[in-house]
Amino acid sequence: MAIVIILVVIAALAVSGVRANKSYYVTIQELDAMGSKAYARNLRVAGNVLPGSIRHSGTNAEFVLVENANQLRVSYQGEEPPPDTFKDNSQALAIGTYGRDGVFHATQLQAKCASKYAPAPGAKPGVATGTAAAMAPPATGQQ
């Protein structure tokens, strides 16, 4: 009987742990439409960083995410500073909770520079240019 009780307790702890760590991905528009449900959940919200909106304060940052015509103020307070790729116009994913003050309170922040790996304007995809082209061995048949 004791084994059954232990197994039930372990299963209950596992289920409650998963629920506590679960975060829902929502768009800014969906966040606005969630109503009071938005205040009680861990959420992930993505968008582009509005140019000129970033304000750093130590490891913290405040900024605005933009998705189409929708905007969301974000206050990031994490243990680590924002990543190096976190800049104006970068794509960012904020993980945290939505406050009744209308601000998304992020505890984690991920960002990528949208243009970092894009081909240069006018370049053909798959064709090396710049330093990569200079360092590449000559194609066979060309001397």
Protein backbone atom coordinates (compact mmCIF):
# COMPACT_ATOMS: atom_id res chain seq x y z
CA MET A 1 0.00 0.00 0.00
CA ALA A 2 2.85 2.36 0.83
CA ILE A 3 4.30 1.89 -2.67
CA VAL A 4 1.00 2.95 -4.24
CA ILE A 5 0.88 6.12 -2.11
CA ILE A 6 4.48 6.97 -3.02
CA LEU A 7 3.78 6.48 -6.73
CA VAL A 8 0.67 8.67 -6.54
CA VAL A 9 2.62 11.42 -4.76
CA ILE A 10 5.45 11.26 -7.34
CA ALA A 11 2.97 11.41 -10.23
CA ALA A 12 1.17 14.39 -8.67
CA LEU A 13 4.45 16.25 -8.19
CA ALA A 14 5.50 15.54 -11.77
CA VAL A 15 2.20 16.82 -13.19
CA SER A 16 2.21 19.96 -11.04
CA GLY A 17 5.85 20.65 -11.99
CA VAL A 18 5.06 20.45 -15.70
CA ARG A 19 2.09 22.79 -15.30
CA ALA A 20 4.15 25.32 -13.35
CA ASN A 21 6.90 25.44 -16.00
CA LYS A 22 4.62 25.41 -19.03
CA SER A 23 4.53 28.61 -21.04
CA TYR A 24 2.15 29.40 -23.87
CA TYR A 25 3.28 31.06 -27.10
CA VAL A 26 0.94 33.89 -28.07
CA THR A 27 1.09 36.71 -30.57
CA ILE A 28 0.70 40.29 -29.37
CA GLN A 29 -2.78 40.37 -30.89
CA GLU A 30 -3.75 37.13 -29.09
CA LEU A 31 -2.37 38.52 -25.84
CA ASP A 32 -4.65 41.54 -26.13
CA ALA A 33 -7.64 39.25 -26.74
CA MET A 34 -6.94 36.91 -23.77
CA GLY A 35 -8.46 39.23 -21.20
CA SER A 36 -7.89 38.25 -17.56
CA LYS A 37 -6.47 34.83 -18.58
CA ALA A 38 -3.31 36.63 -19.71
CA TYR A 39 -2.45 37.63 -16.14
CA ALA A 40 -2.38 34.10 -14.75
CA ARG A 41 -0.12 32.30 -17.25
CA ASN A 42 3.53 32.08 -18.17
CA LEU A 43 3.73 33.29 -21.74
CA ARG A 44 6.10 33.60 -24.68
CA VAL A 45 5.62 36.60 -26.96
CA ALA A 46 7.64 37.34 -30.09
CA GLY A 47 8.01 40.38 -32.27
CA ASN A 48 10.49 42.84 -33.73
CA VAL A 49 12.19 45.35 -31.44
CA LEU A 50 10.91 48.85 -32.22
CA PRO A 51 13.88 51.03 -33.26
CA GLY A 52 14.81 53.55 -30.58
CA SER A 53 12.76 51.87 -27.86
CA ILE A 54 15.55 50.02 -26.00
CA ARG A 55 16.51 51.43 -22.60
CA HIS A 56 19.24 49.51 -20.74
CA SER A 57 19.76 49.62 -16.98
CA GLY A 58 22.45 47.17 -15.89
CA THR A 59 21.30 43.66 -16.82
CA ASN A 60 17.72 44.91 -17.27
CA ALA A 61 16.10 46.46 -20.33
CA GLU A 62 12.83 48.06 -21.36
CA PHE A 63 11.71 48.03 -24.98
CA VAL A 64 8.72 47.70 -27.29
CA LEU A 65 7.91 44.64 -29.41
CA VAL A 66 6.05 45.20 -32.67
CA GLU A 67 3.95 42.69 -34.61
CA ASN A 68 2.18 44.17 -37.64
CA ALA A 69 0.32 47.20 -36.17
CA ASN A 70 0.36 45.82 -32.59
CA GLN A 71 2.83 46.98 -29.96
CA LEU A 72 3.74 45.58 -26.54
CA ARG A 73 5.85 47.26 -23.86
CA VAL A 74 8.30 44.81 -22.30
CA SER A 75 10.29 45.10 -19.09
CA TYR A 76 13.10 42.53 -18.97
CA GLN A 77 14.58 41.75 -15.56
CA GLY A 78 16.80 38.73 -15.90
CA GLU A 79 19.87 37.32 -14.25
CA GLU A 80 21.90 37.86 -17.42
CA PRO A 81 22.09 40.94 -19.66
CA PRO A 82 20.21 40.83 -22.98
CA PRO A 83 22.05 38.88 -25.70
CA ASP A 84 24.44 40.69 -28.07
CA THR A 85 21.99 40.19 -30.93
CA PHE A 86 19.33 42.19 -29.07
CA LYS A 87 19.24 45.43 -31.09
CA ASP A 88 16.82 47.68 -32.96
CA ASN A 89 14.76 45.70 -35.53
CA SER A 90 15.98 42.34 -34.18
CA GLN A 91 13.50 39.52 -33.70
CA ALA A 92 13.00 38.88 -29.99
CA LEU A 93 11.19 36.33 -27.87
CA ALA A 94 10.21 37.46 -24.37
CA ILE A 95 9.31 34.83 -21.78
CA GLY A 96 7.47 35.88 -18.64
CA THR A 97 4.09 37.20 -17.47
CA TYR A 98 1.72 39.95 -18.57
CA GLY A 99 0.98 42.50 -15.88
CA ARG A 100 -2.19 44.44 -15.17
CA ASP A 101 -0.10 47.54 -15.85
CA GLY A 102 -0.13 46.61 -19.56
CA VAL A 103 3.57 45.71 -19.52
CA PHE A 104 4.98 42.27 -20.29
CA HIS A 105 7.40 41.35 -17.48
CA ALA A 106 10.06 39.11 -19.01
CA THR A 107 12.52 36.99 -17.05
CA GLN A 108 14.10 35.47 -20.17
CA LEU A 109 14.94 37.08 -23.49
CA GLN A 110 16.10 35.56 -26.75
CA ALA A 111 16.99 37.55 -29.85
CA LYS A 112 18.36 37.09 -33.31
CA CYS A 113 19.48 39.63 -35.83
CA ALA A 114 17.23 39.13 -38.84
CA SER A 115 19.82 40.36 -41.33
CA LYS A 116 22.90 38.61 -39.91
CA TYR A 117 22.71 35.56 -42.15
CA ALA A 118 20.74 37.02 -45.04
CA PRO A 119 22.50 37.34 -48.41
CA ALA A 120 23.72 40.80 -49.35
CA PRO A 121 21.27 42.83 -51.45
CA GLY A 122 21.58 41.74 -55.07
CA ALA A 123 23.58 38.60 -54.23
CA LYS A 124 22.48 35.26 -55.58
CA PRO A 125 21.59 32.67 -52.89
CA GLY A 126 24.22 29.93 -52.66
CA VAL A 127 26.95 32.00 -54.34
CA ALA A 128 29.85 32.97 -52.10
CA THR A 129 30.78 36.64 -52.00
CA GLY A 130 33.29 38.77 -50.14
CA THR A 131 35.86 37.01 -47.93
CA ALA A 132 34.25 33.60 -48.45
CA ALA A 133 34.65 33.92 -52.24
CA ALA A 134 38.26 35.07 -51.93
CA MET A 135 39.15 32.11 -49.71
CA ALA A 136 37.30 29.49 -51.75
CA PRO A 137 39.37 27.20 -54.00
CA PRO A 138 38.89 27.79 -57.72
CA ALA A 139 36.12 25.82 -59.36
CA THR A 140 37.24 22.81 -61.44
CA GLY A 141 37.82 23.59 -65.07
CA GLN A 142 38.95 27.16 -64.32
CA GLN A 143 42.61 28.10 -64.11
